[in-house]
Amino acid sequence: MAIIITEECINCGACEPECPNTAIYEGGVEWTWAGGTKLVDVELEDGSVIGGKDPMTPISDEFYYIVSDKCTECMGFHEEPQCAAVCPVDCCVPDPDHEEDEETLYAKKAWLHAE
C-alpha cells in the first residue's frame, strides 16, 4: 500500500528528503518519473510512452504529496516508511486506494531502480 499525505500537512518539508524514490513533492511542483529513479521512458496504462523527465501535473497545489506509483513504502531501503517516521503531525498514512502487498512493492522498487 502506498502512503498518502493528508490535508493535515503543515508543509514543513521534513518528509521530502527522506524518500528513497523521490516520490514526495512540494504542493504545486511538477514531478517526473526519472527523479530519483533509473527510469528513462515509462509506458502508461493506456499504452502511450512518455519520457521519464517529462514534467507531470502536481497532484496537490496546497500541500506536499506522494506519487503513489513511485511509493514503495521504503521496502528494500528501510524497515518503515521514512516519511511517516519523520512527520511531526502524523499525516503520512497508508493510502487505502493503493493497497499493495510486499511482493508488489519490491517489484516496483526493482522497476524504479532498474534492478
N, C-alpha and C. Protein backbone atom coordinates (compact mmCIF):
# COMPACT_ATOMS: atom_id res chain seq x y z
N MET A 1 0.85 -1.17 0.00
CA MET A 1 0.00 0.00 0.00
C MET A 1 0.89 1.24 0.00
N ALA A 2 0.63 2.13 -0.89
CA ALA A 2 1.38 3.37 -0.92
C ALA A 2 0.98 4.24 0.26
N ILE A 3 1.76 5.26 0.49
CA ILE A 3 1.49 6.22 1.55
C ILE A 3 0.88 7.46 0.91
N ILE A 4 0.01 8.12 1.64
CA ILE A 4 -0.61 9.37 1.18
C ILE A 4 -0.37 10.43 2.25
N ILE A 5 -0.26 11.68 1.82
CA ILE A 5 -0.14 12.80 2.75
C ILE A 5 -1.51 13.45 2.84
N THR A 6 -2.05 13.50 4.04
CA THR A 6 -3.39 14.05 4.22
C THR A 6 -3.35 15.58 4.27
N GLU A 7 -4.53 16.18 4.23
CA GLU A 7 -4.61 17.64 4.24
C GLU A 7 -4.24 18.25 5.58
N GLU A 8 -3.92 17.43 6.56
CA GLU A 8 -3.41 17.94 7.83
C GLU A 8 -1.96 18.39 7.71
N CYS A 9 -1.34 18.16 6.56
CA CYS A 9 0.06 18.53 6.31
C CYS A 9 0.28 20.01 6.61
N ILE A 10 1.37 20.30 7.32
CA ILE A 10 1.71 21.68 7.67
C ILE A 10 2.80 22.24 6.75
N ASN A 11 3.13 21.49 5.68
CA ASN A 11 4.12 21.92 4.69
C ASN A 11 5.49 22.20 5.29
N CYS A 12 5.89 21.39 6.26
CA CYS A 12 7.20 21.59 6.87
C CYS A 12 8.33 21.04 5.99
N GLY A 13 8.02 20.08 5.11
CA GLY A 13 9.02 19.53 4.21
C GLY A 13 9.92 18.46 4.79
N ALA A 14 9.67 18.03 6.01
CA ALA A 14 10.53 17.02 6.64
C ALA A 14 10.54 15.70 5.87
N CYS A 15 9.45 15.36 5.24
CA CYS A 15 9.30 14.08 4.55
C CYS A 15 10.07 14.00 3.23
N GLU A 16 10.09 15.09 2.50
CA GLU A 16 10.61 15.07 1.13
C GLU A 16 12.02 14.48 0.98
N PRO A 17 13.01 14.93 1.75
CA PRO A 17 14.36 14.38 1.56
C PRO A 17 14.52 12.95 2.05
N GLU A 18 13.56 12.44 2.79
CA GLU A 18 13.65 11.09 3.34
C GLU A 18 13.27 10.00 2.34
N CYS A 19 12.57 10.36 1.28
CA CYS A 19 12.05 9.36 0.33
C CYS A 19 13.15 8.83 -0.59
N PRO A 20 13.41 7.52 -0.55
CA PRO A 20 14.46 6.95 -1.40
C PRO A 20 14.08 6.88 -2.88
N ASN A 21 12.82 7.10 -3.19
CA ASN A 21 12.35 7.05 -4.58
C ASN A 21 12.02 8.42 -5.15
N THR A 22 12.24 9.46 -4.37
CA THR A 22 11.85 10.82 -4.75
C THR A 22 10.39 10.82 -5.21
N ALA A 23 9.53 10.25 -4.38
CA ALA A 23 8.10 10.19 -4.68
C ALA A 23 7.33 11.32 -4.01
N ILE A 24 8.01 12.13 -3.20
CA ILE A 24 7.35 13.20 -2.45
C ILE A 24 7.74 14.55 -3.05
N TYR A 25 6.73 15.36 -3.30
CA TYR A 25 6.94 16.67 -3.91
C TYR A 25 6.17 17.74 -3.16
N GLU A 26 6.70 18.96 -3.20
CA GLU A 26 6.01 20.10 -2.59
C GLU A 26 4.77 20.43 -3.41
N GLY A 27 3.72 20.85 -2.73
CA GLY A 27 2.49 21.21 -3.41
C GLY A 27 2.73 22.22 -4.52
N GLY A 28 2.11 21.99 -5.67
CA GLY A 28 2.24 22.89 -6.81
C GLY A 28 3.45 22.63 -7.68
N VAL A 29 4.34 21.75 -7.26
CA VAL A 29 5.56 21.46 -8.01
C VAL A 29 5.33 20.25 -8.92
N GLU A 30 5.71 20.39 -10.20
CA GLU A 30 5.59 19.27 -11.12
C GLU A 30 6.54 18.15 -10.70
N TRP A 31 6.19 16.92 -11.04
CA TRP A 31 7.02 15.77 -10.71
C TRP A 31 7.42 15.05 -11.99
N THR A 32 8.44 14.18 -11.88
CA THR A 32 8.88 13.38 -13.02
C THR A 32 9.08 11.94 -12.58
N TRP A 33 8.95 11.03 -13.53
CA TRP A 33 9.23 9.61 -13.25
C TRP A 33 10.72 9.42 -13.00
N ALA A 34 11.57 10.16 -13.71
CA ALA A 34 13.01 9.96 -13.63
C ALA A 34 13.60 10.47 -12.32
N GLY A 35 12.98 11.44 -11.70
CA GLY A 35 13.51 11.99 -10.46
C GLY A 35 13.72 10.92 -9.40
N GLY A 36 14.98 10.67 -9.04
CA GLY A 36 15.30 9.69 -8.00
C GLY A 36 15.21 8.24 -8.44
N THR A 37 15.01 8.01 -9.75
CA THR A 37 14.90 6.64 -10.26
C THR A 37 15.82 6.47 -11.46
N LYS A 38 15.81 5.28 -12.03
CA LYS A 38 16.60 5.00 -13.23
C LYS A 38 15.72 4.99 -14.48
N LEU A 39 14.47 5.41 -14.36
CA LEU A 39 13.54 5.35 -15.48
C LEU A 39 13.89 6.37 -16.56
N VAL A 40 13.89 5.89 -17.80
CA VAL A 40 14.15 6.75 -18.95
C VAL A 40 12.84 7.03 -19.67
N ASP A 41 12.11 5.96 -19.98
CA ASP A 41 10.79 6.05 -20.60
C ASP A 41 9.81 5.25 -19.76
N VAL A 42 8.56 5.66 -19.76
CA VAL A 42 7.53 4.99 -18.97
C VAL A 42 6.32 4.72 -19.85
N GLU A 43 5.87 3.46 -19.85
CA GLU A 43 4.65 3.12 -20.58
C GLU A 43 3.47 3.30 -19.63
N LEU A 44 2.53 4.14 -20.03
CA LEU A 44 1.36 4.41 -19.21
C LEU A 44 0.30 3.33 -19.42
N GLU A 45 -0.71 3.33 -18.58
CA GLU A 45 -1.78 2.33 -18.64
C GLU A 45 -2.47 2.29 -20.00
N ASP A 46 -2.53 3.44 -20.68
CA ASP A 46 -3.19 3.48 -21.99
C ASP A 46 -2.28 3.03 -23.13
N GLY A 47 -1.05 2.62 -22.79
CA GLY A 47 -0.11 2.13 -23.79
C GLY A 47 0.81 3.19 -24.36
N SER A 48 0.54 4.45 -24.07
CA SER A 48 1.42 5.51 -24.56
C SER A 48 2.71 5.52 -23.75
N VAL A 49 3.76 6.02 -24.38
CA VAL A 49 5.07 6.08 -23.73
C VAL A 49 5.46 7.54 -23.56
N ILE A 50 5.92 7.89 -22.37
CA ILE A 50 6.39 9.25 -22.11
C ILE A 50 7.82 9.20 -21.61
N GLY A 51 8.51 10.29 -21.76
CA GLY A 51 9.88 10.38 -21.27
C GLY A 51 9.89 10.51 -19.75
N GLY A 52 10.84 9.85 -19.13
CA GLY A 52 10.94 9.89 -17.67
C GLY A 52 11.16 11.28 -17.12
N LYS A 53 11.74 12.16 -17.94
CA LYS A 53 11.99 13.53 -17.49
C LYS A 53 10.87 14.49 -17.85
N ASP A 54 9.84 13.99 -18.53
CA ASP A 54 8.70 14.84 -18.88
C ASP A 54 7.99 15.30 -17.61
N PRO A 55 7.73 16.61 -17.47
CA PRO A 55 7.04 17.10 -16.27
C PRO A 55 5.60 16.63 -16.21
N MET A 56 5.19 16.22 -15.02
CA MET A 56 3.83 15.75 -14.78
C MET A 56 3.10 16.77 -13.89
N THR A 57 1.80 16.83 -14.04
CA THR A 57 0.98 17.78 -13.28
C THR A 57 1.02 17.47 -11.79
N PRO A 58 1.18 18.48 -10.95
CA PRO A 58 1.17 18.25 -9.50
C PRO A 58 -0.14 17.59 -9.05
N ILE A 59 -0.05 16.70 -8.10
CA ILE A 59 -1.23 16.02 -7.56
C ILE A 59 -1.96 16.93 -6.57
N SER A 60 -1.21 17.82 -5.93
CA SER A 60 -1.79 18.78 -4.98
C SER A 60 -1.13 20.13 -5.18
N ASP A 61 -1.90 21.17 -5.04
CA ASP A 61 -1.36 22.52 -5.10
C ASP A 61 -1.20 23.11 -3.70
N GLU A 62 -1.83 22.48 -2.71
CA GLU A 62 -1.90 23.06 -1.37
C GLU A 62 -0.86 22.53 -0.39
N PHE A 63 -0.51 21.24 -0.51
CA PHE A 63 0.42 20.65 0.45
C PHE A 63 1.25 19.56 -0.23
N TYR A 64 2.28 19.11 0.47
CA TYR A 64 3.15 18.07 -0.09
C TYR A 64 2.31 16.87 -0.50
N TYR A 65 2.77 16.15 -1.51
CA TYR A 65 2.04 14.98 -1.99
C TYR A 65 3.01 13.86 -2.36
N ILE A 66 2.48 12.64 -2.40
CA ILE A 66 3.26 11.46 -2.76
C ILE A 66 2.70 10.88 -4.05
N VAL A 67 3.58 10.61 -5.01
CA VAL A 67 3.19 9.94 -6.25
C VAL A 67 3.10 8.45 -5.93
N SER A 68 1.89 7.94 -5.86
CA SER A 68 1.69 6.55 -5.41
C SER A 68 2.42 5.54 -6.30
N ASP A 69 2.54 5.82 -7.59
CA ASP A 69 3.22 4.88 -8.48
C ASP A 69 4.73 4.84 -8.26
N LYS A 70 5.27 5.78 -7.48
CA LYS A 70 6.70 5.76 -7.14
C LYS A 70 6.93 5.35 -5.69
N CYS A 71 5.87 5.26 -4.90
CA CYS A 71 5.99 4.92 -3.47
C CYS A 71 6.09 3.42 -3.27
N THR A 72 7.13 3.00 -2.57
CA THR A 72 7.32 1.58 -2.23
C THR A 72 7.25 1.36 -0.72
N GLU A 73 6.78 2.36 0.01
CA GLU A 73 6.75 2.31 1.47
C GLU A 73 8.15 2.05 2.03
N CYS A 74 9.16 2.45 1.28
CA CYS A 74 10.57 2.29 1.65
C CYS A 74 11.02 0.82 1.69
N MET A 75 10.23 -0.09 1.12
CA MET A 75 10.61 -1.51 1.08
C MET A 75 11.96 -1.66 0.38
N GLY A 76 12.83 -2.42 1.00
CA GLY A 76 14.15 -2.64 0.44
C GLY A 76 15.15 -1.55 0.80
N PHE A 77 14.68 -0.51 1.45
CA PHE A 77 15.54 0.59 1.89
C PHE A 77 15.54 0.72 3.41
N HIS A 78 14.35 0.69 4.00
CA HIS A 78 14.18 0.91 5.44
C HIS A 78 13.12 -0.03 5.99
N GLU A 79 13.08 -0.15 7.30
CA GLU A 79 12.11 -1.03 7.96
C GLU A 79 10.70 -0.46 7.98
N GLU A 80 10.59 0.87 7.85
CA GLU A 80 9.29 1.53 7.87
C GLU A 80 9.32 2.72 6.93
N PRO A 81 8.16 3.18 6.48
CA PRO A 81 8.13 4.37 5.62
C PRO A 81 8.75 5.57 6.35
N GLN A 82 9.78 6.13 5.75
CA GLN A 82 10.51 7.21 6.41
C GLN A 82 9.72 8.51 6.48
N CYS A 83 8.84 8.74 5.53
CA CYS A 83 8.02 9.95 5.60
C CYS A 83 7.16 9.93 6.86
N ALA A 84 6.56 8.78 7.14
CA ALA A 84 5.72 8.65 8.34
C ALA A 84 6.56 8.76 9.61
N ALA A 85 7.78 8.24 9.56
CA ALA A 85 8.65 8.26 10.73
C ALA A 85 9.06 9.67 11.13
N VAL A 86 9.21 10.58 10.15
CA VAL A 86 9.68 11.93 10.47
C VAL A 86 8.57 12.98 10.52
N CYS A 87 7.37 12.64 10.11
CA CYS A 87 6.29 13.63 10.06
C CYS A 87 5.88 14.07 11.47
N PRO A 88 5.97 15.38 11.75
CA PRO A 88 5.64 15.85 13.10
C PRO A 88 4.14 15.87 13.40
N VAL A 89 3.30 15.75 12.37
CA VAL A 89 1.85 15.78 12.61
C VAL A 89 1.16 14.48 12.17
N ASP A 90 1.94 13.46 11.90
CA ASP A 90 1.41 12.13 11.53
C ASP A 90 0.41 12.17 10.39
N CYS A 91 0.73 12.92 9.33
CA CYS A 91 -0.19 12.99 8.20
C CYS A 91 0.24 12.11 7.03
N CYS A 92 1.32 11.35 7.18
CA CYS A 92 1.74 10.38 6.16
C CYS A 92 1.19 9.02 6.59
N VAL A 93 0.12 8.61 5.92
CA VAL A 93 -0.62 7.42 6.33
C VAL A 93 -0.83 6.48 5.14
N PRO A 94 -1.13 5.20 5.40
CA PRO A 94 -1.40 4.27 4.30
C PRO A 94 -2.57 4.76 3.43
N ASP A 95 -2.40 4.63 2.12
CA ASP A 95 -3.41 5.06 1.16
C ASP A 95 -4.34 3.89 0.83
N PRO A 96 -5.57 3.92 1.31
CA PRO A 96 -6.49 2.80 1.08
C PRO A 96 -6.83 2.59 -0.40
N ASP A 97 -6.59 3.59 -1.23
CA ASP A 97 -6.86 3.47 -2.66
C ASP A 97 -5.72 2.80 -3.43
N HIS A 98 -4.59 2.57 -2.76
CA HIS A 98 -3.43 1.96 -3.42
C HIS A 98 -2.84 0.86 -2.54
N GLU A 99 -3.62 -0.18 -2.29
CA GLU A 99 -3.15 -1.30 -1.47
C GLU A 99 -2.27 -2.22 -2.31
N GLU A 100 -1.08 -2.52 -1.79
CA GLU A 100 -0.13 -3.39 -2.48
C GLU A 100 0.53 -4.30 -1.46
N ASP A 101 0.80 -5.55 -1.85
CA ASP A 101 1.48 -6.46 -0.94
C ASP A 101 3.00 -6.27 -1.08
N GLU A 102 3.76 -6.92 -0.19
CA GLU A 102 5.21 -6.77 -0.18
C GLU A 102 5.84 -7.13 -1.52
N GLU A 103 5.37 -8.21 -2.13
CA GLU A 103 5.92 -8.65 -3.41
C GLU A 103 5.77 -7.56 -4.47
N THR A 104 4.61 -6.93 -4.50
CA THR A 104 4.35 -5.86 -5.46
C THR A 104 5.23 -4.65 -5.18
N LEU A 105 5.40 -4.31 -3.91
CA LEU A 105 6.24 -3.16 -3.55
C LEU A 105 7.71 -3.41 -3.91
N TYR A 106 8.20 -4.62 -3.67
CA TYR A 106 9.58 -4.96 -4.05
C TYR A 106 9.75 -4.94 -5.57
N ALA A 107 8.74 -5.41 -6.30
CA ALA A 107 8.79 -5.39 -7.76
C ALA A 107 8.81 -3.94 -8.27
N LYS A 108 8.03 -3.08 -7.63
CA LYS A 108 8.01 -1.66 -8.00
C LYS A 108 9.38 -1.04 -7.76
N LYS A 109 9.99 -1.36 -6.63
CA LYS A 109 11.34 -0.86 -6.32
C LYS A 109 12.33 -1.30 -7.40
N ALA A 110 12.28 -2.58 -7.78
CA ALA A 110 13.18 -3.10 -8.81
C ALA A 110 12.96 -2.38 -10.14
N TRP A 111 11.70 -2.11 -10.49
CA TRP A 111 11.39 -1.41 -11.73
C TRP A 111 11.90 0.03 -11.69
N LEU A 112 11.65 0.72 -10.59
CA LEU A 112 12.07 2.12 -10.47
C LEU A 112 13.58 2.28 -10.54
N HIS A 113 14.30 1.31 -9.99
CA HIS A 113 15.76 1.44 -9.87
C HIS A 113 16.52 0.50 -10.79
N ALA A 114 15.83 -0.08 -11.78
CA ALA A 114 16.45 -0.95 -12.80
C ALA A 114 17.32 -2.04 -12.18
N GLU A 115 16.74 -2.75 -11.23
CA GLU A 115 17.49 -3.82 -10.55
C GLU A 115 17.22 -5.16 -11.19
